[in-house]
N, C-alpha and C. Protein backbone atom coordinates (compact mmCIF):
# COMPACT_ATOMS: atom_id res chain seq x y z
N MET A 1 20.59 34.53 -28.05
CA MET A 1 19.77 33.62 -27.39
C MET A 1 18.97 35.07 -26.42
N GLU A 2 17.69 34.64 -26.01
CA GLU A 2 16.59 35.67 -25.51
C GLU A 2 15.93 34.89 -24.36
N PRO A 3 15.51 35.96 -23.49
CA PRO A 3 14.24 35.45 -22.51
C PRO A 3 13.26 35.36 -22.80
N MET A 4 12.39 34.54 -22.62
CA MET A 4 11.09 34.37 -23.01
C MET A 4 10.16 34.53 -22.03
N THR A 5 9.22 35.17 -22.13
CA THR A 5 7.80 35.87 -21.34
C THR A 5 6.98 34.57 -20.82
N ASP A 6 6.28 35.17 -19.74
CA ASP A 6 5.72 33.89 -18.83
C ASP A 6 4.80 33.08 -20.42
N ASP A 7 4.04 34.11 -20.96
CA ASP A 7 3.12 33.36 -21.86
C ASP A 7 4.01 32.05 -22.52
N GLU A 8 5.22 32.81 -22.95
CA GLU A 8 5.83 31.77 -23.56
C GLU A 8 6.41 30.58 -22.93
N ILE A 9 6.68 30.54 -21.36
CA ILE A 9 7.31 29.62 -20.54
C ILE A 9 5.81 28.35 -20.53
N GLU A 10 4.47 29.46 -20.34
CA GLU A 10 3.48 28.33 -19.72
C GLU A 10 3.35 27.39 -20.94
N GLY A 11 3.39 28.29 -22.20
CA GLY A 11 3.37 27.52 -23.39
C GLY A 11 4.00 25.86 -23.62
N PHE A 12 5.38 25.85 -23.44
CA PHE A 12 6.66 25.51 -23.62
C PHE A 12 5.86 24.47 -22.35
N LEU A 13 6.22 24.70 -21.51
CA LEU A 13 5.45 23.89 -20.24
C LEU A 13 4.18 23.06 -20.69
N GLN A 14 2.96 23.55 -21.60
CA GLN A 14 2.08 22.65 -21.78
C GLN A 14 2.43 21.60 -22.71
N SER A 15 3.57 21.97 -23.75
CA SER A 15 3.99 21.26 -24.85
C SER A 15 5.08 20.08 -24.61
N GLU A 16 5.59 20.05 -23.68
CA GLU A 16 6.39 19.02 -23.22
C GLU A 16 5.90 18.17 -21.52
N GLY A 17 6.71 16.98 -21.41
CA GLY A 17 6.69 16.15 -20.51
C GLY A 17 7.37 15.43 -19.82
N MET A 18 8.91 16.07 -20.34
CA MET A 18 9.75 15.36 -19.80
C MET A 18 11.06 16.42 -19.26
N GLY A 19 11.78 16.39 -18.53
CA GLY A 19 12.76 17.22 -17.46
C GLY A 19 13.59 16.42 -17.04
N ALA A 20 14.08 17.46 -15.54
CA ALA A 20 14.87 16.79 -14.91
C ALA A 20 14.24 17.38 -13.27
N LEU A 21 14.46 17.08 -12.13
CA LEU A 21 13.95 17.03 -11.36
C LEU A 21 15.33 17.20 -10.57
N ALA A 22 15.86 18.54 -9.91
CA ALA A 22 16.91 18.48 -8.54
C ALA A 22 16.12 18.62 -7.10
N LEU A 23 16.88 17.51 -6.32
CA LEU A 23 16.32 17.75 -4.80
C LEU A 23 17.55 17.78 -3.87
N PRO A 24 17.49 18.75 -3.39
CA PRO A 24 18.53 18.90 -2.29
C PRO A 24 19.00 17.48 -1.54
N GLN A 25 20.27 17.65 -1.33
CA GLN A 25 20.94 16.89 -0.50
C GLN A 25 22.60 16.80 0.07
N GLU A 26 22.80 16.17 1.11
CA GLU A 26 24.07 16.80 1.27
C GLU A 26 25.22 17.85 0.85
N ARG A 27 25.71 16.54 -0.19
CA ARG A 27 26.92 16.75 -1.04
C ARG A 27 26.54 17.11 -2.43
N ALA A 28 25.59 16.82 -2.92
CA ALA A 28 25.57 17.73 -4.19
C ALA A 28 23.75 16.88 -4.60
N PRO A 29 23.51 18.33 -5.30
CA PRO A 29 21.63 17.72 -5.46
C PRO A 29 21.78 16.15 -6.07
N TYR A 30 20.55 15.75 -5.93
CA TYR A 30 20.11 14.10 -6.52
C TYR A 30 19.70 14.76 -7.95
N VAL A 31 19.90 14.33 -8.90
CA VAL A 31 18.86 14.79 -9.92
C VAL A 31 18.38 13.91 -11.07
N LEU A 32 17.09 13.38 -11.04
CA LEU A 32 16.57 12.34 -11.53
C LEU A 32 15.53 13.19 -12.98
N PRO A 33 15.59 12.08 -14.35
CA PRO A 33 15.04 12.86 -15.13
C PRO A 33 13.49 11.89 -14.81
N LEU A 34 12.03 13.15 -14.97
CA LEU A 34 10.87 12.60 -14.88
C LEU A 34 10.24 13.26 -15.41
N SER A 35 9.03 12.57 -15.87
CA SER A 35 7.75 13.26 -16.92
C SER A 35 6.87 14.01 -16.01
N PHE A 36 6.40 14.92 -16.37
CA PHE A 36 5.97 15.61 -15.34
C PHE A 36 4.32 16.28 -15.98
N GLY A 37 3.42 16.63 -15.44
CA GLY A 37 2.00 17.10 -15.63
C GLY A 37 2.28 18.49 -15.43
N TYR A 38 1.32 19.42 -15.97
CA TYR A 38 1.20 20.55 -15.86
C TYR A 38 -0.22 21.33 -15.57
N ASP A 39 -0.60 22.09 -14.70
CA ASP A 39 -1.64 22.35 -14.87
C ASP A 39 -2.70 23.82 -15.09
N GLY A 40 -1.30 24.43 -16.55
CA GLY A 40 -1.24 25.82 -16.97
C GLY A 40 -1.50 26.77 -15.87
N GLY A 41 -1.06 26.46 -15.00
CA GLY A 41 -0.85 28.03 -14.13
C GLY A 41 0.66 27.98 -13.15
N THR A 42 0.59 27.41 -12.04
CA THR A 42 1.85 27.36 -11.12
C THR A 42 2.12 26.36 -10.74
N THR A 43 1.50 25.38 -10.98
CA THR A 43 1.90 23.52 -10.87
C THR A 43 2.55 23.14 -11.34
N LEU A 44 3.47 21.93 -11.16
CA LEU A 44 3.67 21.16 -11.98
C LEU A 44 3.58 19.73 -11.11
N TYR A 45 3.61 18.56 -11.88
CA TYR A 45 2.74 17.17 -10.95
C TYR A 45 4.14 16.15 -11.70
N PHE A 46 4.61 15.57 -10.74
CA PHE A 46 5.36 14.27 -10.77
C PHE A 46 4.64 12.83 -10.53
N THR A 47 4.70 11.86 -11.06
CA THR A 47 4.15 10.95 -10.76
C THR A 47 5.49 9.74 -10.59
N TYR A 48 5.68 9.41 -9.35
CA TYR A 48 6.91 8.20 -8.99
C TYR A 48 6.06 7.00 -8.89
N ILE A 49 6.87 5.82 -9.39
CA ILE A 49 6.49 4.73 -9.45
C ILE A 49 7.68 3.84 -8.73
N VAL A 50 7.45 3.61 -7.65
CA VAL A 50 8.48 3.07 -6.23
C VAL A 50 8.28 1.69 -6.18
N SER A 51 9.09 1.24 -5.39
CA SER A 51 9.04 -0.38 -4.54
C SER A 51 10.09 0.02 -3.54
N GLY A 52 9.46 -0.08 -2.19
CA GLY A 52 10.21 -0.28 -0.94
C GLY A 52 10.14 1.10 -0.37
N ASP A 53 11.62 1.10 -0.24
CA ASP A 53 12.43 2.32 0.26
C ASP A 53 12.99 3.08 -0.81
N SER A 54 12.51 4.36 -1.18
CA SER A 54 12.56 5.13 -2.38
C SER A 54 13.59 6.28 -2.03
N ARG A 55 14.57 6.26 -2.49
CA ARG A 55 15.94 7.37 -2.22
C ARG A 55 15.17 8.87 -2.74
N LYS A 56 14.45 8.53 -3.84
CA LYS A 56 13.72 9.92 -4.55
C LYS A 56 12.45 10.29 -3.30
N VAL A 57 11.90 9.62 -2.64
CA VAL A 57 10.43 9.69 -2.26
C VAL A 57 11.15 10.44 -0.86
N ARG A 58 12.11 9.83 -0.34
CA ARG A 58 12.60 10.41 1.07
C ARG A 58 13.18 11.50 0.55
N LEU A 59 13.89 11.90 -0.38
CA LEU A 59 14.34 13.67 -0.51
C LEU A 59 13.28 14.19 -0.94
N SER A 60 12.15 13.91 -1.65
CA SER A 60 11.14 15.05 -1.89
C SER A 60 10.62 15.00 -0.95
N LYS A 61 10.37 14.28 -0.07
CA LYS A 61 9.36 14.49 1.06
C LYS A 61 10.73 15.83 2.18
N ARG A 62 11.54 15.51 2.57
CA ARG A 62 12.46 16.75 3.17
C ARG A 62 12.92 17.92 2.20
N ALA A 63 12.41 17.97 1.08
CA ALA A 63 12.61 19.06 0.61
C ALA A 63 12.14 20.16 0.70
N ASP A 64 12.50 21.39 1.51
CA ASP A 64 11.51 22.52 1.06
C ASP A 64 11.03 22.89 -0.37
N THR A 65 12.86 23.30 -0.71
CA THR A 65 12.68 23.52 -2.57
C THR A 65 12.89 22.87 -3.44
N ALA A 66 13.02 22.64 -4.55
CA ALA A 66 13.30 22.04 -5.77
C ALA A 66 13.49 22.67 -6.46
N CYS A 67 14.10 22.35 -8.05
CA CYS A 67 14.17 22.70 -9.20
C CYS A 67 14.20 21.77 -9.99
N PHE A 68 13.08 22.43 -10.99
CA PHE A 68 12.74 21.37 -12.10
C PHE A 68 13.37 22.16 -14.10
N LEU A 69 13.99 21.18 -14.37
CA LEU A 69 14.50 21.89 -15.92
C LEU A 69 13.78 20.96 -16.85
N ALA A 70 13.15 21.49 -17.74
CA ALA A 70 11.80 21.18 -18.90
C ALA A 70 13.12 22.00 -19.78
N TYR A 71 13.07 20.95 -21.48
CA TYR A 71 14.49 21.36 -22.31
C TYR A 71 13.78 20.67 -23.27
N ARG A 72 14.15 21.93 -24.71
CA ARG A 72 13.79 20.91 -25.94
C ARG A 72 15.17 21.48 -26.54
N ALA A 73 16.13 20.14 -27.08
CA ALA A 73 17.23 20.88 -28.25
C ALA A 73 17.29 20.65 -29.30
N GLU A 74 16.72 21.13 -30.62
CA GLU A 74 16.72 20.13 -31.72
C GLU A 74 18.08 19.94 -32.12
N SER A 75 18.90 21.34 -32.22
CA SER A 75 20.19 21.57 -32.20
C SER A 75 20.84 22.94 -31.25
N ALA A 76 22.54 22.72 -31.80
CA ALA A 76 23.29 23.87 -31.05
C ALA A 76 22.51 25.03 -31.26
N PHE A 77 21.81 25.40 -32.20
CA PHE A 77 21.10 26.67 -32.36
C PHE A 77 19.54 26.68 -32.26
N ASN A 78 19.03 25.73 -32.14
CA ASN A 78 17.79 25.78 -31.83
C ASN A 78 17.24 25.03 -30.87
N TRP A 79 17.17 25.90 -29.54
CA TRP A 79 16.90 24.89 -28.13
C TRP A 79 16.10 25.96 -27.46
N ARG A 80 15.24 25.59 -26.76
CA ARG A 80 14.43 26.07 -25.53
C ARG A 80 14.71 25.71 -24.06
N SER A 81 14.68 25.87 -22.58
CA SER A 81 14.87 25.41 -21.77
C SER A 81 14.27 26.62 -20.87
N VAL A 82 13.53 26.25 -19.53
CA VAL A 82 12.75 26.46 -18.77
C VAL A 82 13.01 26.08 -17.25
N VAL A 83 13.55 26.39 -15.76
CA VAL A 83 13.69 26.47 -15.05
C VAL A 83 12.54 27.18 -13.88
N SER A 84 12.30 25.88 -13.22
CA SER A 84 10.99 26.45 -12.19
C SER A 84 11.10 26.04 -11.36
N THR A 85 11.45 26.51 -9.66
CA THR A 85 12.11 26.66 -8.27
C THR A 85 10.57 26.52 -7.59
N GLY A 86 10.55 25.80 -6.80
CA GLY A 86 9.39 26.34 -5.86
C GLY A 86 9.14 25.03 -4.70
N ARG A 87 8.11 24.96 -3.94
CA ARG A 87 8.09 24.13 -3.07
C ARG A 87 7.33 22.92 -3.62
N LEU A 88 8.14 21.73 -3.38
CA LEU A 88 7.62 20.25 -3.35
C LEU A 88 6.92 19.55 -2.24
N SER A 89 5.53 19.24 -2.57
CA SER A 89 5.22 18.25 -1.42
C SER A 89 4.65 17.25 -2.08
N GLU A 90 3.96 16.44 -1.27
CA GLU A 90 2.97 14.96 -1.70
C GLU A 90 1.80 15.27 -2.21
N LEU A 91 1.09 14.65 -3.20
CA LEU A 91 -0.17 15.24 -2.72
C LEU A 91 -0.86 14.36 -2.12
N PRO A 92 -1.91 14.01 -1.64
CA PRO A 92 -2.63 13.12 -0.57
C PRO A 92 -3.42 11.84 -1.75
N THR A 93 -3.31 11.04 -1.61
CA THR A 93 -4.02 10.19 -2.39
C THR A 93 -5.23 10.65 -2.88
N GLY A 94 -6.43 10.79 -1.52
CA GLY A 94 -7.54 11.65 -1.96
C GLY A 94 -7.71 13.04 -3.10
N GLU A 95 -6.48 13.53 -3.08
CA GLU A 95 -6.92 14.63 -3.95
C GLU A 95 -6.29 14.43 -5.37
N TRP A 96 -5.80 13.00 -5.77
CA TRP A 96 -5.20 13.05 -7.12
C TRP A 96 -6.69 13.21 -8.07
N ASP A 97 -7.67 12.65 -7.86
CA ASP A 97 -8.74 13.09 -8.69
C ASP A 97 -9.45 14.31 -9.24
N ASP A 98 -9.01 15.24 -8.07
CA ASP A 98 -9.60 16.80 -8.31
C ASP A 98 -8.31 17.42 -9.42
N HIS A 99 -6.83 16.21 -9.31
CA HIS A 99 -5.86 17.22 -10.23
C HIS A 99 -5.46 16.27 -11.33
N ALA A 100 -6.15 15.13 -11.34
CA ALA A 100 -5.96 14.22 -12.61
C ALA A 100 -5.56 14.48 -13.82
N ASP A 101 -6.37 15.40 -14.41
CA ASP A 101 -6.23 16.24 -15.82
C ASP A 101 -5.00 16.64 -15.93
N ALA A 102 -4.40 17.56 -14.96
CA ALA A 102 -3.14 18.12 -15.05
C ALA A 102 -1.73 16.89 -14.32
N ILE A 103 -2.18 16.03 -13.70
CA ILE A 103 -1.27 15.15 -13.72
C ILE A 103 -0.63 14.30 -14.80
N LEU A 104 -2.01 13.82 -15.69
CA LEU A 104 -1.84 13.39 -16.76
C LEU A 104 -1.22 13.95 -18.20
N ASP A 105 -2.02 15.19 -17.56
CA ASP A 105 -1.97 15.57 -19.25
C ASP A 105 -1.30 15.79 -20.43
N ASN A 106 0.25 16.04 -20.34
CA ASN A 106 1.28 16.25 -20.78
C ASN A 106 2.48 15.28 -20.46
N ALA A 107 2.03 14.48 -19.19
CA ALA A 107 2.98 13.72 -19.09
C ALA A 107 3.14 12.49 -19.85
N TRP A 108 4.61 12.10 -20.08
CA TRP A 108 5.24 10.90 -21.14
C TRP A 108 5.39 9.80 -20.10
N HIS A 109 4.53 8.51 -20.32
CA HIS A 109 4.87 7.61 -19.37
C HIS A 109 4.94 6.19 -20.53
N PRO A 110 6.17 5.68 -20.31
CA PRO A 110 6.23 4.65 -21.26
C PRO A 110 5.52 3.66 -21.10
N ALA A 111 5.22 2.74 -21.84
CA ALA A 111 4.29 1.47 -21.67
C ALA A 111 5.19 0.78 -20.70
N LEU A 112 6.57 0.42 -20.07
CA LEU A 112 7.04 -0.24 -19.37
C LEU A 112 5.87 0.21 -17.86
N PHE A 113 5.58 1.26 -18.18
CA PHE A 113 5.29 1.79 -16.75
C PHE A 113 3.72 0.52 -16.48
N ASP A 114 3.08 0.65 -17.47
CA ASP A 114 2.01 -0.23 -17.67
C ASP A 114 1.96 -1.87 -16.78
N ASP A 115 3.70 -2.22 -17.55
CA ASP A 115 3.65 -3.51 -16.99
C ASP A 115 4.23 -3.61 -15.48
N ALA A 116 5.10 -2.81 -14.93
CA ALA A 116 5.37 -2.65 -14.08
C ALA A 116 4.79 -2.30 -12.68
N LEU A 117 3.73 -1.83 -12.97
CA LEU A 117 2.45 -1.53 -11.57
C LEU A 117 2.25 -2.17 -10.86
N GLU A 118 2.70 -3.74 -11.16
CA GLU A 118 1.61 -4.78 -10.13
C GLU A 118 3.33 -4.58 -9.31
N GLY A 119 2.63 -4.69 -7.52
CA GLY A 119 4.16 -4.74 -6.73
C GLY A 119 4.16 -3.63 -6.44
N MET A 120 4.13 -2.51 -7.08
CA MET A 120 4.78 -0.91 -6.82
C MET A 120 3.78 0.00 -6.00
N ASP A 121 4.23 0.94 -6.12
CA ASP A 121 3.46 2.21 -5.17
C ASP A 121 3.67 3.39 -6.24
N ILE A 122 2.33 3.94 -5.77
CA ILE A 122 2.69 5.16 -6.91
C ILE A 122 2.35 6.30 -5.70
N ARG A 123 3.11 7.30 -6.25
CA ARG A 123 3.29 8.44 -5.07
C ARG A 123 3.38 9.42 -6.24
N VAL A 124 2.22 10.77 -6.20
CA VAL A 124 2.01 12.29 -6.82
C VAL A 124 2.81 13.18 -5.93
N PHE A 125 3.84 13.54 -6.51
CA PHE A 125 4.43 15.43 -5.80
C PHE A 125 3.89 16.27 -6.80
N GLN A 126 3.91 17.66 -6.39
CA GLN A 126 3.42 18.48 -6.73
C GLN A 126 4.69 19.51 -6.70
N LEU A 127 4.59 20.28 -7.68
CA LEU A 127 5.97 21.74 -7.61
C LEU A 127 5.25 22.64 -7.43
N VAL A 128 4.70 23.78 -6.34
CA VAL A 128 3.96 24.70 -6.87
C VAL A 128 5.19 25.73 -6.83
N VAL A 129 5.17 26.43 -7.73
CA VAL A 129 6.40 27.53 -8.60
C VAL A 129 6.23 28.00 -8.18
N ASP A 130 7.23 28.70 -7.14
CA ASP A 130 7.38 30.21 -6.78
C ASP A 130 7.89 31.01 -8.26
N GLU A 131 9.35 30.85 -8.60
CA GLU A 131 9.24 31.47 -10.14
C GLU A 131 10.16 30.57 -10.48
N TRP A 132 9.73 31.25 -12.12
CA TRP A 132 10.72 30.71 -13.48
C TRP A 132 11.16 31.57 -14.30
N SER A 133 12.18 30.83 -15.03
CA SER A 133 12.88 31.32 -16.03
C SER A 133 12.81 30.62 -17.34
N GLY A 134 12.86 31.20 -18.44
CA GLY A 134 12.99 30.50 -19.78
C GLY A 134 14.00 31.21 -20.83
N PHE A 135 15.01 30.38 -21.21
CA PHE A 135 15.82 31.22 -22.41
C PHE A 135 15.09 30.19 -23.91
N ARG A 136 15.45 31.11 -25.13
CA ARG A 136 15.56 30.02 -25.95
C ARG A 136 16.69 30.80 -27.39
N HIS A 137 17.15 29.91 -28.03
CA HIS A 137 17.56 30.21 -29.13
C HIS A 137 16.81 29.68 -30.33
N ALA A 138 16.96 30.59 -31.47
CA ALA A 138 16.69 29.85 -32.01
C ALA A 138 17.06 30.33 -33.59
N GLY A 139 18.00 30.28 -34.21
CA GLY A 139 18.60 30.73 -35.30
C GLY A 139 19.91 30.23 -35.28
N LEU A 140 20.46 30.90 -36.48
CA LEU A 140 22.09 30.53 -36.62
C LEU A 140 22.71 31.41 -36.12
N PRO A 141 24.16 30.93 -35.62
CA PRO A 141 24.87 31.78 -34.47
C PRO A 141 25.01 33.48 -35.19
N PRO A 142 25.72 34.22 -34.90
CA PRO A 142 26.02 35.98 -35.20
C PRO A 142 27.40 35.51 -36.43
N GLY A 143 27.42 35.87 -37.64
CA GLY A 143 28.11 35.84 -38.44
C GLY A 143 28.04 34.35 -39.68
N PHE A 144 27.12 34.01 -39.11
CA PHE A 144 26.85 32.89 -40.25
C PHE A 144 25.61 33.16 -41.18
N SER A 145 25.32 32.80 -41.98
CA SER A 145 24.41 33.07 -42.85
C SER A 145 24.06 31.93 -43.66
N ARG A 146 22.91 31.70 -44.59
CA ARG A 146 22.02 30.18 -44.98
C ARG A 146 23.74 29.97 -46.45
N GLY A 147 23.95 31.20 -47.14
CA GLY A 147 25.14 31.14 -48.25
C GLY A 147 26.32 30.37 -47.75
N ASP A 148 26.55 30.77 -46.13
CA ASP A 148 27.77 30.03 -45.79
C ASP A 148 27.71 28.65 -45.65
N GLU A 149 26.45 28.09 -45.97
CA GLU A 149 26.42 26.46 -45.71
C GLU A 149 27.51 26.00 -47.43
N GLY A 150 27.69 24.48 -47.16
CA GLY A 150 27.93 23.50 -47.84
C GLY A 150 29.57 24.02 -48.61
């Protein structure tokens, strides 16, 4: 396992579109899977599609700080992960156009979102990253060689 450089972290965030957002609450963090957009700098964008009173919107508005984990695990010995911590805030609707490319660029949106939009409320939140760290493991574990297979 080895740490990723800032350039590797940025490249990884640009290539991924899913992860898990951890929001603070009293007993334990509230963790939810989300797609995300990335501006290539220090901001991640999350699109919430909600109906009525939404726990994730309430917790997001209350949060001063949040953490986001993006990861890819192809096997136990080939994986990458990036944890980003920063300030979470709602992006006003009037600013969506200014950030549209980053909001939608690499975010993964299932087709069911298109069908579910009627009667739903759309919110965009941004995480301005204060710090991030990334780790990767690529290869075989120590003491294991290709000749040991089979």
